[in-house]
Amino acid sequence: MPNNELHTALRGDLNDVLDDVLDGGEADAPDGGRAHDPDGDLDVEAFTAAIENFNRFYIRLPVLEKLPFTTLSVLDTLAFGGSPRRLTDLTKTEQVSQPGITQLVTRLERDGLVERRPDPSDGRAVLVHITEAGRAVGRSRRADRSRHLRPLVERLTPEQRQAITDALPALARLAELGRGQE
């Protein structure tokens, strides 16, 4: 499928997901149920399905800088999860082997996106720091994605846009909990 057709199909998927999620605040659950039960509790299965559907669209949005997922993940971890990090910490967060993370950090360092510096508390270890160029990659991707999402969000009803706005604090908190930043 050509890129423009894929983009159109993905845009349709986002609209379907957003329409399902935001139509009255409910989404169809995988079993045909609704996103919350009569007691007002969130149906976590339906929520998970909606997030997965959105993520499938979101991660495939066209961007100007084409970088491998693991590269982007390491830069994101360093930018938002705390920089500097030891290589051993990155192997855990990125779920990559020690040799794999070492090779990746070597490429990122060569490209000027990270720097390795000695760990002042342990002379045998190194700390990986994100550079301003590495941070710029993340800002660029966010700007690209916002540019693609803006016209889609504008197609939502005012109530749907408000529902997303109202959900942002809870989604941000959920992400913090998931990263262990209680």
N, C-alpha and C. Protein backbone atom coordinates (compact mmCIF):
# COMPACT_ATOMS: atom_id res chain seq x y z
N MET A 1 0.86 -1.17 0.00
CA MET A 1 0.00 0.00 0.00
C MET A 1 0.90 1.23 0.00
N PRO A 2 0.70 2.16 -0.94
CA PRO A 2 1.51 3.38 -0.95
C PRO A 2 1.33 4.19 0.33
N ASN A 3 2.32 5.01 0.64
CA ASN A 3 2.30 5.78 1.89
C ASN A 3 1.06 6.63 2.04
N ASN A 4 0.62 7.32 0.96
CA ASN A 4 -0.55 8.19 1.11
C ASN A 4 -1.81 7.37 1.39
N GLU A 5 -1.92 6.17 0.82
CA GLU A 5 -3.06 5.31 1.12
C GLU A 5 -2.98 4.79 2.55
N LEU A 6 -1.79 4.42 2.98
CA LEU A 6 -1.60 3.96 4.36
C LEU A 6 -1.97 5.07 5.33
N HIS A 7 -1.48 6.28 5.05
CA HIS A 7 -1.79 7.41 5.93
C HIS A 7 -3.30 7.64 6.00
N THR A 8 -3.98 7.57 4.85
CA THR A 8 -5.43 7.76 4.83
C THR A 8 -6.12 6.66 5.62
N ALA A 9 -5.67 5.42 5.45
CA ALA A 9 -6.27 4.30 6.19
C ALA A 9 -6.04 4.47 7.69
N LEU A 10 -4.82 4.85 8.06
CA LEU A 10 -4.54 5.04 9.48
C LEU A 10 -5.34 6.19 10.04
N ARG A 11 -5.51 7.25 9.26
CA ARG A 11 -6.31 8.37 9.72
C ARG A 11 -7.74 7.92 9.97
N GLY A 12 -8.25 7.06 9.09
CA GLY A 12 -9.60 6.51 9.28
C GLY A 12 -9.66 5.67 10.55
N ASP A 13 -8.60 4.88 10.81
CA ASP A 13 -8.56 4.08 12.04
C ASP A 13 -8.61 4.99 13.27
N LEU A 14 -7.86 6.10 13.25
CA LEU A 14 -7.88 7.00 14.39
C LEU A 14 -9.28 7.56 14.59
N ASN A 15 -9.91 7.98 13.50
CA ASN A 15 -11.26 8.52 13.64
C ASN A 15 -12.20 7.48 14.21
N ASP A 16 -12.07 6.23 13.76
CA ASP A 16 -12.92 5.17 14.30
C ASP A 16 -12.67 4.98 15.79
N VAL A 17 -11.38 4.95 16.17
CA VAL A 17 -11.04 4.76 17.58
C VAL A 17 -11.56 5.92 18.41
N LEU A 18 -11.27 7.14 17.94
CA LEU A 18 -11.72 8.30 18.70
C LEU A 18 -13.24 8.35 18.77
N ASP A 19 -13.90 8.04 17.67
CA ASP A 19 -15.37 8.03 17.69
C ASP A 19 -15.88 6.99 18.68
N ASP A 20 -15.28 5.80 18.67
CA ASP A 20 -15.71 4.76 19.61
C ASP A 20 -15.46 5.16 21.05
N VAL A 21 -14.26 5.69 21.31
CA VAL A 21 -13.88 6.03 22.68
C VAL A 21 -14.68 7.22 23.18
N LEU A 22 -14.90 8.19 22.31
CA LEU A 22 -15.49 9.44 22.76
C LEU A 22 -16.99 9.54 22.56
N ASP A 23 -17.58 8.62 21.86
CA ASP A 23 -19.02 8.65 21.65
C ASP A 23 -19.72 8.33 22.96
N GLY A 24 -20.05 9.37 23.67
CA GLY A 24 -20.69 9.19 24.96
C GLY A 24 -19.73 8.71 26.03
N GLY A 25 -18.43 8.80 25.76
CA GLY A 25 -17.45 8.38 26.76
C GLY A 25 -17.29 6.88 26.85
N GLU A 26 -17.81 6.15 25.89
CA GLU A 26 -17.75 4.69 25.96
C GLU A 26 -17.14 4.14 24.68
N ALA A 27 -16.57 2.96 24.80
CA ALA A 27 -16.03 2.27 23.64
C ALA A 27 -16.48 0.83 23.69
N ASP A 28 -16.62 0.24 22.52
CA ASP A 28 -16.97 -1.18 22.50
C ASP A 28 -15.81 -1.98 23.05
N ALA A 29 -16.11 -2.86 23.95
CA ALA A 29 -15.11 -3.76 24.51
C ALA A 29 -14.88 -4.88 23.52
N PRO A 30 -13.77 -5.60 23.64
CA PRO A 30 -13.50 -6.69 22.72
C PRO A 30 -14.62 -7.71 22.71
N ASP A 31 -15.34 -7.88 23.81
CA ASP A 31 -16.41 -8.87 23.86
C ASP A 31 -17.76 -8.27 23.47
N GLY A 32 -17.76 -7.04 22.93
CA GLY A 32 -19.00 -6.41 22.51
C GLY A 32 -19.65 -5.58 23.61
N GLY A 33 -19.05 -5.54 24.79
CA GLY A 33 -19.61 -4.76 25.89
C GLY A 33 -19.27 -3.29 25.74
N ARG A 34 -19.45 -2.53 26.79
CA ARG A 34 -19.15 -1.09 26.76
C ARG A 34 -17.93 -0.80 27.63
N ALA A 35 -17.37 0.39 27.51
CA ALA A 35 -16.11 0.74 28.17
C ALA A 35 -16.23 0.86 29.68
N HIS A 36 -17.41 1.06 30.20
CA HIS A 36 -17.54 1.06 31.66
C HIS A 36 -18.84 0.38 32.04
N ASP A 37 -18.82 -0.17 33.23
CA ASP A 37 -20.00 -0.90 33.67
C ASP A 37 -20.99 0.06 34.34
N PRO A 38 -22.17 -0.41 34.68
CA PRO A 38 -23.18 0.47 35.27
C PRO A 38 -22.75 1.12 36.58
N ASP A 39 -21.78 0.53 37.28
CA ASP A 39 -21.30 1.10 38.54
C ASP A 39 -20.34 2.27 38.31
N GLY A 40 -20.01 2.56 37.05
CA GLY A 40 -19.12 3.67 36.75
C GLY A 40 -17.65 3.29 36.76
N ASP A 41 -17.32 2.02 36.91
CA ASP A 41 -15.93 1.59 36.89
C ASP A 41 -15.44 1.47 35.44
N LEU A 42 -14.21 1.81 35.23
CA LEU A 42 -13.61 1.71 33.91
C LEU A 42 -13.44 0.24 33.54
N ASP A 43 -13.83 -0.13 32.35
CA ASP A 43 -13.58 -1.46 31.81
C ASP A 43 -12.15 -1.45 31.28
N VAL A 44 -11.23 -2.03 32.03
CA VAL A 44 -9.82 -1.97 31.69
C VAL A 44 -9.55 -2.68 30.37
N GLU A 45 -10.28 -3.74 30.07
CA GLU A 45 -10.09 -4.43 28.78
C GLU A 45 -10.45 -3.52 27.61
N ALA A 46 -11.56 -2.81 27.71
CA ALA A 46 -11.96 -1.89 26.63
C ALA A 46 -10.98 -0.72 26.55
N PHE A 47 -10.53 -0.23 27.70
CA PHE A 47 -9.55 0.86 27.71
C PHE A 47 -8.26 0.41 27.03
N THR A 48 -7.80 -0.79 27.36
CA THR A 48 -6.59 -1.35 26.76
C THR A 48 -6.75 -1.46 25.25
N ALA A 49 -7.89 -1.95 24.80
CA ALA A 49 -8.13 -2.08 23.36
C ALA A 49 -8.11 -0.72 22.67
N ALA A 50 -8.71 0.29 23.28
CA ALA A 50 -8.73 1.63 22.69
C ALA A 50 -7.32 2.20 22.61
N ILE A 51 -6.53 2.04 23.69
CA ILE A 51 -5.16 2.55 23.69
C ILE A 51 -4.32 1.83 22.64
N GLU A 52 -4.46 0.51 22.54
CA GLU A 52 -3.71 -0.24 21.54
C GLU A 52 -4.08 0.20 20.13
N ASN A 53 -5.38 0.40 19.87
CA ASN A 53 -5.82 0.86 18.55
C ASN A 53 -5.23 2.23 18.24
N PHE A 54 -5.26 3.12 19.21
CA PHE A 54 -4.69 4.44 19.00
C PHE A 54 -3.19 4.35 18.77
N ASN A 55 -2.50 3.55 19.58
CA ASN A 55 -1.05 3.42 19.44
C ASN A 55 -0.65 2.86 18.08
N ARG A 56 -1.43 1.91 17.56
CA ARG A 56 -1.12 1.36 16.23
C ARG A 56 -1.12 2.48 15.20
N PHE A 57 -2.05 3.38 15.30
CA PHE A 57 -2.10 4.53 14.40
C PHE A 57 -0.97 5.51 14.71
N TYR A 58 -0.84 5.86 15.97
CA TYR A 58 0.05 6.94 16.39
C TYR A 58 1.52 6.65 16.06
N ILE A 59 1.97 5.44 16.34
CA ILE A 59 3.39 5.14 16.11
C ILE A 59 3.72 5.09 14.62
N ARG A 60 2.72 5.01 13.78
CA ARG A 60 2.96 4.95 12.33
C ARG A 60 2.73 6.29 11.64
N LEU A 61 2.48 7.34 12.41
CA LEU A 61 2.33 8.65 11.78
C LEU A 61 3.62 9.00 11.05
N PRO A 62 3.50 9.53 9.85
CA PRO A 62 4.71 9.91 9.11
C PRO A 62 5.49 10.98 9.87
N VAL A 63 6.79 10.85 9.86
CA VAL A 63 7.67 11.83 10.51
C VAL A 63 8.81 12.15 9.55
N LEU A 64 9.40 13.32 9.76
CA LEU A 64 10.50 13.74 8.90
C LEU A 64 11.76 12.95 9.17
N GLU A 65 12.06 12.70 10.48
CA GLU A 65 13.26 11.95 10.84
C GLU A 65 12.90 10.49 11.03
N LYS A 66 13.45 9.65 10.18
CA LYS A 66 13.16 8.22 10.26
C LYS A 66 14.28 7.55 11.05
N LEU A 67 13.95 7.11 12.27
CA LEU A 67 14.92 6.44 13.13
C LEU A 67 14.31 5.15 13.64
N PRO A 68 15.15 4.14 13.91
CA PRO A 68 14.63 2.87 14.45
C PRO A 68 13.97 3.07 15.81
N PHE A 69 13.00 2.22 16.09
CA PHE A 69 12.25 2.32 17.34
C PHE A 69 13.16 2.28 18.56
N THR A 70 14.15 1.37 18.57
CA THR A 70 15.01 1.27 19.76
C THR A 70 15.82 2.56 19.96
N THR A 71 16.23 3.20 18.88
CA THR A 71 16.93 4.47 19.00
C THR A 71 16.03 5.50 19.65
N LEU A 72 14.81 5.60 19.16
CA LEU A 72 13.85 6.57 19.70
C LEU A 72 13.52 6.25 21.15
N SER A 73 13.42 4.97 21.47
CA SER A 73 13.10 4.58 22.83
C SER A 73 14.21 4.97 23.80
N VAL A 74 15.46 4.75 23.42
CA VAL A 74 16.58 5.13 24.29
C VAL A 74 16.60 6.65 24.48
N LEU A 75 16.42 7.39 23.39
CA LEU A 75 16.42 8.86 23.51
C LEU A 75 15.27 9.32 24.39
N ASP A 76 14.11 8.69 24.24
CA ASP A 76 12.96 9.05 25.07
C ASP A 76 13.23 8.72 26.54
N THR A 77 13.81 7.57 26.81
CA THR A 77 14.14 7.19 28.18
C THR A 77 15.08 8.21 28.81
N LEU A 78 16.09 8.61 28.06
CA LEU A 78 17.05 9.58 28.59
C LEU A 78 16.43 10.97 28.74
N ALA A 79 15.56 11.35 27.82
CA ALA A 79 14.96 12.68 27.87
C ALA A 79 13.90 12.80 28.95
N PHE A 80 13.09 11.76 29.12
CA PHE A 80 11.96 11.85 30.03
C PHE A 80 12.06 10.95 31.25
N GLY A 81 12.89 9.93 31.16
CA GLY A 81 13.01 9.00 32.27
C GLY A 81 14.22 9.26 33.14
N GLY A 82 14.99 10.26 32.77
CA GLY A 82 16.13 10.62 33.58
C GLY A 82 17.44 10.36 32.89
N SER A 83 18.19 11.40 32.71
CA SER A 83 19.52 11.32 32.14
C SER A 83 20.44 11.93 33.18
N PRO A 84 21.55 11.34 33.44
CA PRO A 84 22.17 10.21 32.75
C PRO A 84 21.69 8.87 33.29
N ARG A 85 22.03 7.83 32.53
CA ARG A 85 21.73 6.45 32.91
C ARG A 85 22.96 5.59 32.63
N ARG A 86 23.11 4.57 33.44
CA ARG A 86 24.14 3.57 33.18
C ARG A 86 23.68 2.67 32.05
N LEU A 87 24.63 2.10 31.35
CA LEU A 87 24.30 1.15 30.29
C LEU A 87 23.47 -0.02 30.83
N THR A 88 23.83 -0.49 32.01
CA THR A 88 23.08 -1.62 32.58
C THR A 88 21.62 -1.24 32.85
N ASP A 89 21.37 0.01 33.24
CA ASP A 89 19.99 0.46 33.43
C ASP A 89 19.24 0.49 32.11
N LEU A 90 19.92 0.93 31.05
CA LEU A 90 19.28 0.98 29.73
C LEU A 90 18.95 -0.42 29.20
N THR A 91 19.79 -1.42 29.53
CA THR A 91 19.47 -2.78 29.08
C THR A 91 18.15 -3.24 29.69
N LYS A 92 17.87 -2.81 30.92
CA LYS A 92 16.62 -3.20 31.59
C LYS A 92 15.43 -2.44 31.03
N THR A 93 15.54 -1.12 30.92
CA THR A 93 14.39 -0.34 30.47
C THR A 93 14.08 -0.59 29.00
N GLU A 94 15.09 -0.81 28.20
CA GLU A 94 14.88 -0.98 26.76
C GLU A 94 14.72 -2.44 26.35
N GLN A 95 14.95 -3.36 27.28
CA GLN A 95 14.83 -4.79 27.02
C GLN A 95 15.70 -5.22 25.84
N VAL A 96 16.95 -4.75 25.89
CA VAL A 96 17.94 -5.06 24.87
C VAL A 96 19.14 -5.67 25.60
N SER A 97 19.85 -6.57 24.93
CA SER A 97 21.02 -7.20 25.56
C SER A 97 22.11 -6.17 25.80
N GLN A 98 23.04 -6.51 26.69
CA GLN A 98 24.17 -5.62 26.99
C GLN A 98 24.96 -5.30 25.72
N PRO A 99 25.33 -6.31 24.90
CA PRO A 99 26.05 -5.98 23.66
C PRO A 99 25.20 -5.11 22.73
N GLY A 100 23.90 -5.37 22.67
CA GLY A 100 23.01 -4.60 21.80
C GLY A 100 22.92 -3.15 22.23
N ILE A 101 22.79 -2.90 23.52
CA ILE A 101 22.67 -1.52 24.00
C ILE A 101 24.01 -0.81 23.84
N THR A 102 25.11 -1.53 24.03
CA THR A 102 26.44 -0.92 23.84
C THR A 102 26.61 -0.47 22.39
N GLN A 103 26.23 -1.32 21.43
CA GLN A 103 26.31 -0.96 20.01
C GLN A 103 25.41 0.23 19.70
N LEU A 104 24.20 0.22 20.24
CA LEU A 104 23.26 1.31 19.98
C LEU A 104 23.79 2.63 20.54
N VAL A 105 24.28 2.61 21.77
CA VAL A 105 24.81 3.83 22.38
C VAL A 105 26.04 4.31 21.61
N THR A 106 26.85 3.40 21.11
CA THR A 106 28.01 3.79 20.29
C THR A 106 27.54 4.54 19.04
N ARG A 107 26.50 4.03 18.37
CA ARG A 107 25.96 4.72 17.18
C ARG A 107 25.36 6.07 17.55
N LEU A 108 24.61 6.12 18.66
CA LEU A 108 24.01 7.38 19.10
C LEU A 108 25.08 8.40 19.45
N GLU A 109 26.16 7.93 20.06
CA GLU A 109 27.27 8.83 20.41
C GLU A 109 27.96 9.34 19.13
N ARG A 110 28.18 8.45 18.19
CA ARG A 110 28.78 8.83 16.91
C ARG A 110 27.92 9.88 16.19
N ASP A 111 26.59 9.76 16.32
CA ASP A 111 25.67 10.70 15.68
C ASP A 111 25.44 11.97 16.50
N GLY A 112 26.10 12.06 17.66
CA GLY A 112 26.00 13.25 18.49
C GLY A 112 24.71 13.37 19.29
N LEU A 113 23.99 12.25 19.46
CA LEU A 113 22.71 12.28 20.17
C LEU A 113 22.86 11.98 21.66
N VAL A 114 23.94 11.31 22.03
CA VAL A 114 24.24 11.03 23.44
C VAL A 114 25.75 11.20 23.66
N GLU A 115 26.11 11.29 24.93
CA GLU A 115 27.52 11.32 25.33
C GLU A 115 27.72 10.32 26.46
N ARG A 116 28.87 9.66 26.43
CA ARG A 116 29.26 8.79 27.54
C ARG A 116 30.27 9.54 28.40
N ARG A 117 30.04 9.48 29.71
CA ARG A 117 30.96 10.12 30.65
C ARG A 117 31.20 9.15 31.81
N PRO A 118 32.36 9.23 32.44
CA PRO A 118 32.63 8.35 33.58
C PRO A 118 31.63 8.62 34.70
N ASP A 119 31.25 7.56 35.40
CA ASP A 119 30.37 7.69 36.56
C ASP A 119 31.23 8.16 37.72
N PRO A 120 30.94 9.35 38.28
CA PRO A 120 31.78 9.86 39.36
C PRO A 120 31.74 8.99 40.61
N SER A 121 30.70 8.19 40.78
CA SER A 121 30.60 7.35 41.97
C SER A 121 31.21 5.97 41.76
N ASP A 122 31.52 5.62 40.51
CA ASP A 122 32.10 4.31 40.21
C ASP A 122 32.94 4.45 38.95
N GLY A 123 34.24 4.52 39.12
CA GLY A 123 35.16 4.74 38.01
C GLY A 123 35.11 3.68 36.93
N ARG A 124 34.57 2.51 37.24
CA ARG A 124 34.49 1.44 36.23
C ARG A 124 33.29 1.60 35.31
N ALA A 125 32.30 2.38 35.72
CA ALA A 125 31.06 2.50 34.96
C ALA A 125 31.02 3.80 34.18
N VAL A 126 30.17 3.81 33.14
CA VAL A 126 29.94 5.05 32.39
C VAL A 126 28.47 5.42 32.48
N LEU A 127 28.22 6.71 32.36
CA LEU A 127 26.86 7.22 32.34
C LEU A 127 26.58 7.75 30.94
N VAL A 128 25.38 7.49 30.46
CA VAL A 128 24.97 7.96 29.15
C VAL A 128 24.10 9.19 29.35
N HIS A 129 24.50 10.29 28.74
CA HIS A 129 23.78 11.57 28.82
C HIS A 129 23.19 11.88 27.46
N ILE A 130 21.97 12.38 27.43
CA ILE A 130 21.38 12.83 26.17
C ILE A 130 21.94 14.23 25.86
N THR A 131 22.20 14.48 24.59
CA THR A 131 22.69 15.79 24.17
C THR A 131 21.52 16.65 23.72
N GLU A 132 21.78 17.90 23.47
CA GLU A 132 20.74 18.80 22.95
C GLU A 132 20.24 18.28 21.60
N ALA A 133 21.14 17.75 20.79
CA ALA A 133 20.72 17.18 19.49
C ALA A 133 19.79 16.00 19.70
N GLY A 134 20.05 15.19 20.72
CA GLY A 134 19.17 14.06 21.03
C GLY A 134 17.79 14.54 21.48
N ARG A 135 17.76 15.59 22.29
CA ARG A 135 16.48 16.16 22.71
C ARG A 135 15.73 16.75 21.52
N ALA A 136 16.46 17.33 20.59
CA ALA A 136 15.83 17.94 19.41
C ALA A 136 15.11 16.88 18.57
N VAL A 137 15.64 15.65 18.54
CA VAL A 137 14.97 14.57 17.80
C VAL A 137 13.58 14.35 18.39
N GLY A 138 13.48 14.28 19.70
CA GLY A 138 12.18 14.08 20.35
C GLY A 138 11.23 15.24 20.09
N ARG A 139 11.73 16.46 20.17
CA ARG A 139 10.88 17.63 19.91
C ARG A 139 10.38 17.62 18.46
N SER A 140 11.25 17.25 17.54
CA SER A 140 10.88 17.20 16.13
C SER A 140 9.79 16.16 15.88
N ARG A 141 9.93 14.99 16.49
CA ARG A 141 8.91 13.94 16.31
C ARG A 141 7.57 14.38 16.89
N ARG A 142 7.61 15.02 18.05
CA ARG A 142 6.36 15.48 18.66
C ARG A 142 5.69 16.53 17.76
N ALA A 143 6.49 17.44 17.22
CA ALA A 143 5.94 18.48 16.33
C ALA A 143 5.34 17.85 15.08
N ASP A 144 6.03 16.86 14.49
CA ASP A 144 5.50 16.17 13.31
C ASP A 144 4.17 15.50 13.63
N ARG A 145 4.14 14.80 14.74
CA ARG A 145 2.91 14.09 15.11
C ARG A 145 1.78 15.06 15.40
N SER A 146 2.08 16.15 16.07
CA SER A 146 1.05 17.16 16.35
C SER A 146 0.50 17.72 15.05
N ARG A 147 1.38 17.95 14.09
CA ARG A 147 0.95 18.47 12.79
C ARG A 147 -0.01 17.52 12.11
N HIS A 148 0.21 16.22 12.22
CA HIS A 148 -0.69 15.24 11.61
C HIS A 148 -1.98 15.05 12.41
N LEU A 149 -1.89 15.17 13.73
CA LEU A 149 -3.08 14.97 14.57
C LEU A 149 -4.03 16.16 14.57
N ARG A 150 -3.49 17.35 14.46
CA ARG A 150 -4.31 18.57 14.57
C ARG A 150 -5.53 18.54 13.66
N PRO A 151 -5.39 18.25 12.36
CA PRO A 151 -6.59 18.25 11.51
C PRO A 151 -7.59 17.15 11.89
N LEU A 152 -7.10 16.06 12.44
CA LEU A 152 -8.01 14.99 12.86
C LEU A 152 -8.78 15.40 14.10
N VAL A 153 -8.07 16.00 15.05
CA VAL A 153 -8.72 16.47 16.27
C VAL A 153 -9.76 17.53 15.93
N GLU A 154 -9.48 18.36 14.95
CA GLU A 154 -10.43 19.40 14.55
C GLU A 154 -11.72 18.81 13.99
N ARG A 155 -11.67 17.57 13.52
CA ARG A 155 -12.87 16.91 13.00
C ARG A 155 -13.76 16.33 14.10
N LEU A 156 -13.25 16.30 15.32
CA LEU A 156 -14.05 15.82 16.44
C LEU A 156 -15.06 16.88 16.86
N THR A 157 -16.09 16.43 17.51
CA THR A 157 -17.07 17.37 18.04
C THR A 157 -16.45 18.11 19.23
N PRO A 158 -17.01 19.27 19.59
CA PRO A 158 -16.50 19.96 20.78
C PRO A 158 -16.57 19.07 22.03
N GLU A 159 -17.59 18.24 22.13
CA GLU A 159 -17.72 17.35 23.29
C GLU A 159 -16.62 16.30 23.30
N GLN A 160 -16.28 15.79 22.13
CA GLN A 160 -15.21 14.79 22.04
C GLN A 160 -13.86 15.41 22.39
N ARG A 161 -13.61 16.62 21.89
CA ARG A 161 -12.35 17.30 22.23
C ARG A 161 -12.29 17.57 23.74
N GLN A 162 -13.43 17.94 24.33
CA GLN A 162 -13.46 18.19 25.77
C GLN A 162 -13.22 16.90 26.55
N ALA A 163 -13.75 15.79 26.05
CA ALA A 163 -13.54 14.50 26.72
C ALA A 163 -12.05 14.15 26.74
N ILE A 164 -11.36 14.41 25.64
CA ILE A 164 -9.92 14.16 25.61
C ILE A 164 -9.21 15.08 26.59
N THR A 165 -9.58 16.36 26.57
CA THR A 165 -8.98 17.33 27.50
C THR A 165 -9.18 16.89 28.94
N ASP A 166 -10.38 16.45 29.26
CA ASP A 166 -10.69 16.02 30.62
C ASP A 166 -9.90 14.77 31.02
N ALA A 167 -9.58 13.92 30.04
CA ALA A 167 -8.86 12.67 30.32
C ALA A 167 -7.36 12.86 30.46
N LEU A 168 -6.82 13.99 29.98
CA LEU A 168 -5.36 14.17 29.98
C LEU A 168 -4.71 14.03 31.35
N PRO A 169 -5.23 14.63 32.43
CA PRO A 169 -4.57 14.45 33.73
C PRO A 169 -4.54 12.99 34.18
N ALA A 170 -5.62 12.27 33.96
CA ALA A 170 -5.65 10.86 34.37
C ALA A 170 -4.67 10.04 33.53
N LEU A 171 -4.60 10.31 32.23
CA LEU A 171 -3.65 9.58 31.38
C LEU A 171 -2.21 9.90 31.75
N ALA A 172 -1.93 11.16 32.07
CA ALA A 172 -0.58 11.54 32.50
C ALA A 172 -0.22 10.82 33.80
N ARG A 173 -1.16 10.76 34.73
CA ARG A 173 -0.92 10.09 36.01
C ARG A 173 -0.71 8.59 35.80
N LEU A 174 -1.50 8.01 34.93
CA LEU A 174 -1.36 6.59 34.63
C LEU A 174 0.04 6.29 34.06
N ALA A 175 0.52 7.19 33.19
CA ALA A 175 1.87 7.01 32.63
C ALA A 175 2.92 7.13 33.73
N GLU A 176 2.75 8.07 34.66
CA GLU A 176 3.69 8.21 35.77
C GLU A 176 3.72 6.93 36.61
N LEU A 177 2.54 6.41 36.91
CA LEU A 177 2.48 5.18 37.69
C LEU A 177 3.16 4.03 36.97
N GLY A 178 2.96 3.96 35.65
CA GLY A 178 3.57 2.92 34.85
C GLY A 178 5.08 3.01 34.81
N ARG A 179 5.60 4.21 34.92
CA ARG A 179 7.06 4.39 34.95
C ARG A 179 7.61 4.26 36.36
N GLY A 180 6.75 4.06 37.33
CA GLY A 180 7.20 3.89 38.70
C GLY A 180 7.51 5.19 39.39
N GLN A 181 6.94 6.29 38.93
CA GLN A 181 7.20 7.59 39.54
C GLN A 181 6.05 8.00 40.44
N GLU A 182 5.75 7.18 41.41
CA GLU A 182 4.60 7.45 42.28
C GLU A 182 4.83 8.62 43.11
